[in-house]
Amino acid sequence: MDENSAGQRLDNFLLRELKGVPKTHVYRVIRAGEVRVNKGRAQADTRLELGDEVRVPPVRLPERASGEAAAAHVPAREFPVIYEDDHLIAVNKPAGVAVHGGSGVSFGVIEQLRRARPEAKFLELVHRLDKETSGLLLIAKKRSALTHLQDQFRERETGKTYAALVIGDWPGNKKVLDVALLKFTGSDGERWVRAVENSHDPQAEQAKRSISLVKVAQKFPGYSLLDVTIKTGRTHQIRVHLQHAGHPIVGDPKYGDFEANRAIARGPLKFERMFLHAKRLRVAHPARPEETLELEAPLPPECEKLIADLKR
């Protein structure tokens, strides 16, 4: 166990080290107790320490996924940099790009960035954004930075604000969405999230409390531009909260108004993505905790154009 692995979760460590092994297999051997840390059974969320000995059962790597052959299929790509120093990078992720490979996606931001920067010894995602969401994404350049930043996200000490254009006239007095959310797998095999508002819901105990703060930034005929600050970081939280409130996000392919999405994509506005953008992020610098980083990613041109068109 080297310095760059100290503080990392066991599952993330194995997924990094066993490139090409299916994620389901990695979790299966962990659950079965076949992965040992210092000769003892360990859980997926076990934090590794410098000097730990990790033993795994023999695994077979697919030939095409081994070494340079797999990397050759990943195109090198840099992304617009909002901030960078020796500890972290903040990029402005475009919509339509996954943050990492998996679940039918061969590669994402992190794989492309590693390919573009072969000299970088360490590049790891601090957090995630949905593929359809654009905006601020943090990447750690050191293990210590990753641990400090992820601790802030875990303790909800970050200020994360998103710009969301929703359908309809959002009521100005509706400022707090405090609705529990439940993840489930649908009959289509897809991962979904639903709101659980009633304590009598048979799955109410499995739902997790979720809080979003909403502020109206601008209003247009038939639409509202919102600033949404999340106090919890649940999967698809903003998308489901706004849809549950009766105002789905424009262009949301999963929880949106499909007829309205089609009309705005094929009509004169020609807007063909989801209007959800991670615009602001506030974190304490991982190496200088007394220093607060206030990061802001400008809206993508297609979002700016849509707003300008709606004002006419």
Protein backbone atom coordinates (compact mmCIF):
# COMPACT_ATOMS: atom_id res chain seq x y z
CA MET A 1 0.00 0.00 0.00
CA ASP A 2 1.65 3.24 -1.13
CA GLU A 3 1.10 6.85 -0.09
CA ASN A 4 -1.26 7.55 -2.99
CA SER A 5 -3.63 4.83 -1.78
CA ALA A 6 -3.73 5.85 1.88
CA GLY A 7 -7.19 6.98 2.96
CA GLN A 8 -8.90 5.46 -0.08
CA ARG A 9 -11.94 3.19 0.19
CA LEU A 10 -11.22 -0.47 -0.47
CA ASP A 11 -13.71 -0.71 -3.38
CA ASN A 12 -12.26 2.34 -5.14
CA PHE A 13 -8.72 1.02 -4.63
CA LEU A 14 -9.60 -2.35 -6.18
CA LEU A 15 -11.49 -0.77 -9.09
CA ARG A 16 -8.39 1.30 -9.84
CA GLU A 17 -5.91 -1.53 -9.47
CA LEU A 18 -7.97 -4.22 -11.22
CA LYS A 19 -8.71 -2.29 -14.40
CA GLY A 20 -10.79 -4.40 -16.76
CA VAL A 21 -12.37 -6.54 -14.03
CA PRO A 22 -16.15 -5.97 -14.02
CA LYS A 23 -17.33 -3.81 -11.14
CA THR A 24 -19.93 -6.45 -10.19
CA HIS A 25 -17.16 -9.04 -9.76
CA VAL A 26 -15.11 -6.72 -7.54
CA TYR A 27 -18.08 -6.14 -5.21
CA ARG A 28 -18.95 -9.85 -5.27
CA VAL A 29 -15.53 -10.93 -3.95
CA ILE A 30 -15.63 -8.21 -1.30
CA ARG A 31 -19.08 -9.33 -0.08
CA ALA A 32 -17.94 -12.95 -0.08
CA GLY A 33 -15.08 -12.08 2.26
CA GLU A 34 -12.43 -13.08 -0.29
CA VAL A 35 -10.63 -9.74 -0.04
CA ARG A 36 -8.44 -9.45 3.05
CA VAL A 37 -6.84 -6.38 4.57
CA ASN A 38 -4.04 -7.27 6.99
CA LYS A 39 -5.41 -10.87 6.97
CA GLY A 40 -8.88 -9.77 8.12
CA ARG A 41 -12.16 -9.50 6.23
CA ALA A 42 -12.98 -6.01 5.05
CA GLN A 43 -15.99 -4.12 3.77
CA ALA A 44 -16.28 -2.04 0.59
CA ASP A 45 -16.09 1.19 2.60
CA THR A 46 -13.01 0.16 4.63
CA ARG A 47 -10.46 3.00 4.54
CA LEU A 48 -6.94 1.85 3.71
CA GLU A 49 -3.91 3.07 5.60
CA LEU A 50 -0.26 3.40 4.58
CA GLY A 51 1.39 -0.01 4.92
CA ASP A 52 -1.83 -2.07 4.79
CA GLU A 53 -1.55 -5.44 3.04
CA VAL A 54 -4.44 -6.15 0.66
CA ARG A 55 -4.93 -9.70 -0.61
CA VAL A 56 -7.35 -10.51 -3.42
CA PRO A 57 -8.33 -13.83 -5.02
CA PRO A 58 -6.96 -14.58 -8.50
CA VAL A 59 -8.89 -12.68 -11.17
CA ARG A 60 -8.75 -12.96 -14.93
CA LEU A 61 -8.42 -9.77 -16.94
CA PRO A 62 -10.13 -9.56 -20.33
CA GLU A 63 -7.36 -9.41 -22.95
CA ARG A 64 -8.68 -6.29 -24.61
CA ALA A 65 -8.85 -4.40 -21.31
CA SER A 66 -5.28 -5.03 -20.25
CA GLY A 67 -2.62 -2.34 -20.17
CA GLU A 68 -1.98 -0.14 -23.15
CA ALA A 69 -4.58 -1.82 -25.40
CA ALA A 70 -7.42 -0.45 -23.26
CA ALA A 71 -5.83 2.99 -22.94
CA ALA A 72 -5.41 3.21 -26.71
CA HIS A 73 -9.18 3.37 -27.14
CA VAL A 74 -9.45 6.45 -24.90
CA PRO A 75 -8.98 9.75 -26.76
CA ALA A 76 -6.85 12.34 -25.00
CA ARG A 77 -8.91 15.38 -24.10
CA GLU A 78 -8.48 18.47 -21.98
CA PHE A 79 -11.51 20.27 -20.55
CA PRO A 80 -11.99 23.99 -19.83
CA VAL A 81 -10.07 24.68 -16.60
CA ILE A 82 -11.70 26.99 -14.04
CA TYR A 83 -8.94 26.61 -11.44
CA GLU A 84 -5.77 24.54 -11.11
CA ASP A 85 -2.82 24.26 -8.73
CA ASP A 86 -0.58 21.45 -7.45
CA HIS A 87 -3.44 19.87 -5.50
CA LEU A 88 -6.58 19.99 -7.61
CA ILE A 89 -8.18 20.86 -10.92
CA ALA A 90 -11.66 22.34 -11.37
CA VAL A 91 -13.01 21.86 -14.89
CA ASN A 92 -16.20 22.97 -16.61
CA LYS A 93 -17.63 19.63 -17.77
CA PRO A 94 -19.72 19.72 -20.96
CA ALA A 95 -23.17 18.13 -21.02
CA GLY A 96 -23.30 14.69 -22.62
CA VAL A 97 -19.94 13.55 -21.26
CA ALA A 98 -19.82 10.98 -18.45
CA VAL A 99 -17.42 11.66 -15.58
CA HIS A 100 -16.01 8.11 -15.81
CA GLY A 101 -16.41 4.91 -17.78
CA GLY A 102 -18.85 2.16 -16.80
CA SER A 103 -22.51 1.19 -17.27
CA GLY A 104 -22.22 1.05 -21.03
CA VAL A 105 -19.87 4.06 -21.29
CA SER A 106 -16.32 3.18 -22.38
CA PHE A 107 -14.65 6.26 -20.92
CA GLY A 108 -15.38 9.63 -19.38
CA VAL A 109 -13.72 12.85 -18.23
CA ILE A 110 -11.23 11.21 -15.89
CA GLU A 111 -9.98 8.64 -18.42
CA GLN A 112 -9.62 11.26 -21.16
CA LEU A 113 -7.83 13.67 -18.83
CA ARG A 114 -5.38 10.95 -17.71
CA ARG A 115 -4.72 10.18 -21.37
CA ALA A 116 -4.08 13.88 -22.08
CA ARG A 117 -1.72 14.15 -19.11
CA PRO A 118 0.43 11.00 -19.13
CA GLU A 119 2.98 12.68 -16.86
CA ALA A 120 0.42 13.09 -14.05
CA LYS A 121 1.08 10.57 -11.29
CA PHE A 122 -2.34 10.94 -9.70
CA LEU A 123 -5.72 12.11 -11.04
CA GLU A 124 -8.94 11.08 -9.30
CA LEU A 125 -12.53 12.34 -9.31
CA VAL A 126 -13.54 14.09 -6.09
CA HIS A 127 -17.27 13.84 -6.81
CA ARG A 128 -19.63 13.12 -9.70
CA LEU A 129 -22.04 14.86 -12.03
CA ASP A 130 -24.72 13.21 -14.13
CA LYS A 131 -23.73 12.73 -17.76
CA GLU A 132 -26.46 15.18 -18.85
CA THR A 133 -25.35 17.86 -16.36
CA SER A 134 -22.69 20.42 -17.20
CA GLY A 135 -20.53 22.48 -14.88
CA LEU A 136 -17.96 22.37 -12.11
CA LEU A 137 -16.18 19.08 -11.55
CA LEU A 138 -13.26 18.67 -9.13
CA ILE A 139 -10.32 16.35 -9.79
CA ALA A 140 -7.66 15.73 -7.15
CA LYS A 141 -3.97 15.66 -8.12
CA LYS A 142 -2.83 14.18 -4.80
CA ARG A 143 -4.22 11.48 -2.52
CA SER A 144 -4.19 13.90 0.44
CA ALA A 145 -6.25 16.43 -1.56
CA LEU A 146 -8.75 13.75 -2.55
CA THR A 147 -9.27 12.69 1.06
CA HIS A 148 -9.68 16.26 2.36
CA LEU A 149 -12.08 17.29 -0.39
CA GLN A 150 -14.19 14.13 -0.17
CA ASP A 151 -14.46 14.64 3.60
CA GLN A 152 -15.91 18.10 2.93
CA PHE A 153 -18.46 16.69 0.50
CA ARG A 154 -19.35 13.92 2.94
CA GLU A 155 -19.83 16.37 5.81
CA ARG A 156 -21.91 18.69 3.57
CA GLU A 157 -19.42 21.51 4.10
CA THR A 158 -19.41 22.49 0.43
CA GLY A 159 -21.67 25.08 -1.10
CA LYS A 160 -22.99 23.63 -4.37
CA THR A 161 -25.37 25.73 -6.47
CA TYR A 162 -26.88 24.71 -9.79
CA ALA A 163 -28.66 26.68 -12.49
CA ALA A 164 -31.84 24.91 -13.59
CA LEU A 165 -34.36 26.07 -16.18
CA VAL A 166 -37.75 24.55 -15.38
CA ILE A 167 -41.09 24.46 -17.11
CA GLY A 168 -43.75 26.74 -15.65
CA ASP A 169 -43.98 29.65 -13.25
CA TRP A 170 -42.10 28.70 -10.08
CA PRO A 171 -43.81 30.23 -7.02
CA GLY A 172 -41.46 32.70 -5.35
CA ASN A 173 -42.48 31.56 -1.85
CA LYS A 174 -41.45 27.94 -2.51
CA LYS A 175 -37.88 28.11 -1.24
CA VAL A 176 -37.22 24.82 0.56
CA LEU A 177 -37.76 21.33 -0.85
CA ASP A 178 -37.47 18.83 1.99
CA VAL A 179 -38.63 15.57 0.43
CA ALA A 180 -37.10 12.13 1.03
CA LEU A 181 -35.77 10.26 -1.99
CA LEU A 182 -35.57 6.54 -2.73
CA LYS A 183 -33.31 4.83 -5.27
CA PHE A 184 -34.65 1.77 -7.07
CA THR A 185 -34.13 -0.31 -10.19
CA GLY A 186 -37.00 -0.19 -12.65
CA SER A 187 -38.40 -3.01 -14.76
CA ASP A 188 -36.22 -1.65 -17.57
CA GLY A 189 -33.10 -2.39 -15.50
CA GLU A 190 -32.39 1.34 -15.20
CA ARG A 191 -31.56 3.15 -11.97
CA TRP A 192 -34.36 5.50 -10.92
CA VAL A 193 -35.15 7.79 -7.99
CA ARG A 194 -38.58 8.72 -6.67
CA ALA A 195 -39.89 11.10 -4.04
CA VAL A 196 -41.31 9.60 -0.86
CA GLU A 197 -43.51 12.19 0.81
CA ASN A 198 -45.84 9.96 2.81
CA SER A 199 -44.68 8.12 5.94
CA HIS A 200 -47.21 5.40 5.10
CA ASP A 201 -45.28 4.59 1.93
CA PRO A 202 -44.18 0.93 2.26
CA GLN A 203 -40.59 1.94 1.49
CA ALA A 204 -40.54 5.12 3.58
CA GLU A 205 -37.89 3.76 5.94
CA GLN A 206 -35.46 3.15 3.08
CA ALA A 207 -35.84 6.69 1.69
CA LYS A 208 -33.24 9.30 2.64
CA ARG A 209 -34.03 12.84 3.71
CA SER A 210 -33.07 15.28 0.95
CA ILE A 211 -33.04 19.09 1.08
CA SER A 212 -32.76 21.56 -1.81
CA LEU A 213 -32.96 25.35 -1.46
CA VAL A 214 -34.53 27.17 -4.41
CA LYS A 215 -34.22 30.80 -5.45
CA VAL A 216 -35.81 32.29 -8.57
CA ALA A 217 -33.13 33.95 -10.72
CA GLN A 218 -35.27 34.97 -13.71
CA LYS A 219 -38.73 34.35 -15.12
CA PHE A 220 -39.81 34.03 -18.73
CA PRO A 221 -43.18 33.21 -20.31
CA GLY A 222 -43.70 29.55 -19.50
CA TYR A 223 -40.31 29.03 -17.84
CA SER A 224 -38.35 29.85 -14.67
CA LEU A 225 -34.58 29.98 -14.21
CA LEU A 226 -33.66 28.78 -10.72
CA ASP A 227 -30.61 28.74 -8.50
CA VAL A 228 -30.74 25.46 -6.56
CA THR A 229 -28.39 24.90 -3.63
CA ILE A 230 -28.27 21.34 -2.35
CA LYS A 231 -27.83 20.60 1.34
CA THR A 232 -27.71 16.85 0.71
CA GLY A 233 -26.10 15.10 -2.22
CA ARG A 234 -28.54 12.38 -3.27
CA THR A 235 -28.58 10.76 -6.69
CA HIS A 236 -30.69 12.82 -9.15
CA GLN A 237 -31.78 15.01 -6.21
CA ILE A 238 -32.45 18.27 -8.06
CA ARG A 239 -34.05 16.55 -11.03
CA VAL A 240 -36.52 14.59 -8.90
CA HIS A 241 -37.22 17.40 -6.41
CA LEU A 242 -38.13 19.86 -9.16
CA GLN A 243 -40.17 17.29 -11.09
CA HIS A 244 -42.01 16.31 -7.90
CA ALA A 245 -42.80 19.99 -7.31
CA GLY A 246 -44.51 20.07 -10.71
CA HIS A 247 -41.75 21.92 -12.57
CA PRO A 248 -39.48 19.45 -14.41
CA ILE A 249 -36.14 20.59 -15.80
CA VAL A 250 -36.14 21.56 -19.47
CA GLY A 251 -34.64 18.76 -21.54
CA ASP A 252 -34.45 16.19 -18.74
CA PRO A 253 -34.59 12.87 -20.63
CA LYS A 254 -35.40 10.79 -17.55
CA TYR A 255 -37.77 12.77 -15.33
CA GLY A 256 -38.84 15.55 -17.68
CA ASP A 257 -41.90 16.41 -19.73
CA PHE A 258 -41.16 14.47 -22.91
CA GLU A 259 -43.63 16.33 -25.12
CA ALA A 260 -42.30 19.70 -23.95
CA ASN A 261 -38.72 18.50 -24.45
CA ARG A 262 -39.49 17.42 -28.01
CA ALA A 263 -41.17 20.73 -28.76
CA ILE A 264 -38.25 22.82 -27.49
CA ALA A 265 -35.71 20.62 -29.31
CA ARG A 266 -37.48 20.60 -32.67
CA GLY A 267 -39.07 24.04 -32.54
CA PRO A 268 -37.47 27.44 -33.14
CA LEU A 269 -35.53 27.32 -29.86
CA LYS A 270 -33.66 24.15 -30.90
CA PHE A 271 -32.42 23.30 -27.40
CA GLU A 272 -31.44 19.64 -27.20
CA ARG A 273 -29.88 19.03 -23.78
CA MET A 274 -30.89 19.14 -20.14
CA PHE A 275 -30.66 22.63 -18.63
CA LEU A 276 -28.90 21.75 -15.38
CA HIS A 277 -25.51 23.34 -14.75
CA ALA A 278 -23.26 23.16 -11.68
CA LYS A 279 -22.46 26.87 -11.54
CA ARG A 280 -20.92 27.54 -8.12
CA LEU A 281 -18.87 25.53 -5.66
CA ARG A 282 -17.30 26.61 -2.38
CA VAL A 283 -14.65 24.45 -0.70
CA ALA A 284 -11.80 24.89 1.75
CA HIS A 285 -8.48 24.41 -0.02
CA PRO A 286 -7.23 20.88 0.80
CA ALA A 287 -3.70 22.05 1.65
CA ARG A 288 -4.63 25.44 3.14
CA PRO A 289 -7.90 24.94 5.07
CA GLU A 290 -8.02 28.60 6.06
CA GLU A 291 -8.34 29.50 2.36
CA THR A 292 -11.80 29.22 0.80
CA LEU A 293 -12.06 28.57 -2.91
CA GLU A 294 -15.10 30.21 -4.52
CA LEU A 295 -15.36 28.61 -7.93
CA GLU A 296 -17.81 29.56 -10.67
CA ALA A 297 -18.39 28.02 -14.10
CA PRO A 298 -20.08 30.19 -16.72
CA LEU A 299 -23.17 28.88 -18.44
CA PRO A 300 -22.44 27.01 -21.69
CA PRO A 301 -23.16 28.99 -24.91
CA GLU A 302 -26.24 26.91 -25.75
CA CYS A 303 -27.78 27.74 -22.36
CA GLU A 304 -26.94 31.44 -22.73
CA LYS A 305 -28.51 31.41 -26.19
CA LEU A 306 -31.71 29.79 -24.90
CA ILE A 307 -32.05 32.43 -22.16
CA ALA A 308 -31.49 35.21 -24.71
CA ASP A 309 -34.14 33.67 -27.00
CA LEU A 310 -36.64 33.38 -24.13
CA LYS A 311 -36.20 37.08 -23.33
CA ARG A 312 -37.30 38.13 -26.79
